[in-house]
Protein backbone atom coordinates (compact mmCIF):
# COMPACT_ATOMS: atom_id res chain seq x y z
CA MET A 1 117.57 123.01 35.24
CA ILE A 2 120.17 120.77 36.87
CA PRO A 3 121.37 121.95 40.31
CA ARG A 4 124.99 123.19 40.51
CA HIS A 5 125.90 121.71 43.90
CA PRO A 6 127.27 118.13 43.48
CA LEU A 7 125.04 116.64 46.18
CA SER A 8 121.97 118.45 44.82
CA ALA A 9 122.81 117.19 41.33
CA LEU A 10 123.08 113.61 42.62
CA ILE A 11 119.72 113.86 44.39
CA PHE A 12 118.14 115.40 41.26
CA LEU A 13 119.49 112.60 39.04
CA CYS A 14 118.32 109.93 41.46
CA VAL A 15 114.80 111.39 41.60
CA VAL A 16 114.57 111.62 37.81
CA ALA A 17 116.40 108.45 36.81
CA CYS A 18 115.45 106.17 39.69
CA ARG A 19 111.70 106.55 39.30
CA PRO A 20 110.05 103.23 38.50
CA PRO A 21 108.81 103.11 34.91
CA GLU A 22 105.10 103.62 34.36
CA ALA A 23 103.51 100.18 34.29
CA ALA A 24 101.87 99.07 31.08
CA PRO A 25 98.11 98.67 31.41
CA SER A 26 96.60 95.21 31.24
CA ALA A 27 93.40 94.11 29.52
CA ALA A 28 91.80 93.98 32.99
CA ASP A 29 92.48 97.73 33.39
CA LEU A 30 90.31 98.41 30.33
CA VAL A 31 87.28 96.59 31.75
CA GLY A 32 84.50 98.96 32.76
CA VAL A 33 82.41 101.81 31.41
CA TRP A 34 84.11 104.91 30.02
CA ARG A 35 82.25 108.21 29.40
CA SER A 36 83.31 110.65 26.69
CA ASN A 37 85.17 113.81 27.65
CA ALA A 38 83.87 115.55 24.48
CA GLU A 39 83.25 119.18 25.34
CA GLY A 40 81.35 121.50 23.05
CA MET A 41 79.55 118.59 21.38
CA PRO A 42 75.77 117.96 21.31
CA HIS A 43 74.33 116.74 24.62
CA GLY A 44 74.01 113.12 23.44
CA CYS A 45 77.72 113.08 22.56
CA GLN A 46 78.67 114.22 26.05
CA ASP A 47 76.87 111.15 27.36
CA ALA A 48 78.51 108.72 24.92
CA THR A 49 80.01 105.65 26.59
CA MET A 50 82.16 102.64 25.79
CA GLU A 51 81.88 99.52 27.88
CA PHE A 52 84.48 96.78 27.85
CA ARG A 53 83.35 93.61 29.62
CA PRO A 54 85.59 90.89 31.08
CA ASP A 55 84.13 88.31 28.67
CA GLY A 56 85.54 90.20 25.65
CA THR A 57 82.32 91.92 24.58
CA MET A 58 82.00 95.66 24.14
CA ILE A 59 79.14 98.12 23.84
CA VAL A 60 79.44 101.67 22.48
CA LYS A 61 76.51 104.05 23.06
CA SER A 62 76.28 107.37 21.23
CA GLY A 63 72.88 109.06 21.26
CA ALA A 64 70.32 106.49 20.07
CA GLN A 65 73.03 104.37 18.45
CA VAL A 66 74.29 101.22 20.14
CA LEU A 67 77.22 99.31 18.68
CA THR A 68 78.11 95.86 19.97
CA GLY A 69 80.97 93.53 19.20
CA THR A 70 83.95 91.74 20.66
CA TYR A 71 87.43 92.97 21.50
CA THR A 72 90.91 91.84 22.46
CA ALA A 73 93.49 93.98 24.25
CA GLU A 74 97.23 93.25 24.26
CA PRO A 75 99.99 95.29 25.94
CA VAL A 76 102.31 97.07 23.50
CA GLY A 77 104.87 99.15 25.35
CA ARG A 78 103.02 101.36 27.81
CA ARG A 79 99.76 101.12 25.88
CA LEU A 80 97.18 98.52 24.99
CA MET A 81 96.42 97.63 21.40
CA VAL A 82 92.65 97.12 21.20
CA LYS A 83 91.17 95.21 18.29
CA GLN A 84 87.41 95.06 17.83
CA LYS A 85 85.54 92.73 15.52
CA ASP A 86 82.02 91.67 14.63
CA VAL A 87 80.82 95.22 15.30
CA ARG A 88 77.08 95.58 14.73
CA SER A 89 74.62 98.43 15.15
CA ASN A 90 71.03 98.80 16.28
CA GLY A 91 70.48 100.84 13.07
CA GLU A 92 69.94 104.17 14.83
CA PRO A 93 71.93 107.37 14.14
CA ASN A 94 74.69 108.42 16.53
CA CYS A 95 74.74 111.52 18.74
CA GLN A 96 75.66 113.70 15.75
CA GLY A 97 72.83 112.31 13.63
CA ILE A 98 75.21 110.23 11.49
CA SER A 99 73.64 107.06 10.11
CA ALA A 100 74.61 103.64 11.42
CA ASP A 101 75.68 102.53 7.93
CA TYR A 102 78.11 105.43 7.64
CA VAL A 103 79.50 104.87 11.15
CA LEU A 104 80.06 101.16 10.49
CA SER A 105 81.70 101.76 7.11
CA HIS A 106 84.16 104.22 8.71
CA TYR A 107 84.58 102.47 12.06
CA VAL A 108 88.12 102.31 13.45
CA ASP A 109 88.37 98.75 14.75
CA SER A 110 92.01 98.83 15.89
CA PHE A 111 93.55 101.50 18.11
CA TYR A 112 95.85 102.04 21.08
CA VAL A 113 94.92 103.19 24.57
CA SER A 114 96.64 104.55 27.63
CA ILE A 115 95.02 104.43 31.03
CA ARG A 116 96.10 106.94 33.68
CA ASP A 117 94.31 108.10 36.80
CA GLY A 118 90.87 107.00 35.59
CA THR A 119 91.30 108.52 32.13
CA LEU A 120 91.35 106.51 28.92
CA GLY A 121 93.32 108.05 26.06
CA ILE A 122 92.74 106.65 22.57
CA TYR A 123 95.39 106.89 19.85
CA ALA A 124 95.09 105.99 16.16
CA ARG A 125 98.74 104.86 15.94
CA PHE A 126 101.20 103.58 18.52
CA THR A 127 103.57 106.44 17.69
CA ASP A 128 100.96 109.19 18.26
CA ARG A 129 101.80 111.46 21.18
CA ALA A 130 98.37 113.06 21.52
CA GLU A 131 95.14 111.13 21.93
CA PHE A 132 92.30 111.81 19.52
CA PHE A 133 89.66 110.91 22.10
CA THR A 134 89.54 110.74 25.88
CA ALA A 135 87.06 109.22 28.30
CA THR A 136 86.71 108.99 32.05
CA ARG A 137 85.96 105.78 33.95
CA VAL A 138 82.40 105.68 35.23
CA PRO A 139 82.44 104.60 38.88
CA THR A 140 80.85 101.23 39.50
CA LYS A 141 77.75 101.17 41.67
CA SER A 142 78.21 99.41 44.97
C-alpha cells in the first residue's frame, strides 16, 4: 500500500526504488561445502554435501556415493550458471539406494544457482522462480 501523504509517498518510493540491486554472486562465492536441506528424506540424504573447490574441482557425497568432476561458474544476471564435466563415481549407490550408473546417466551437469545468506538455491533453468534443491554452507573449521 502506498502512503497517501505526499512526503510519506516520497519516502516510500525512495526506500523501494533507491535500494541497491542485489549483487550477482561470483564463482568465489560458490567455493565451499554445502549441505543438503532435504527434509523428510533418508538419513544419508540429509547429510548429502556438495563441495566446490577454488581449483575448479567438485565433490558430491550422497550416502556411500561420491561423485567427482570439474566445474565452471559464470555470472548470469543475479545467478551463477554452473557447468560440470568429467563427472565420475566411486560406483556406490546414493543415499536413496540408486545405482551409480543410473545417477550418472541422469545427472544434471548444467544448472543455475543463487547464493543468499549462506543458502545455495539450485534452479534447472534461468527463468525458474523456485529452486528445486537448497543447501546450507557448512562453516569452515578454524
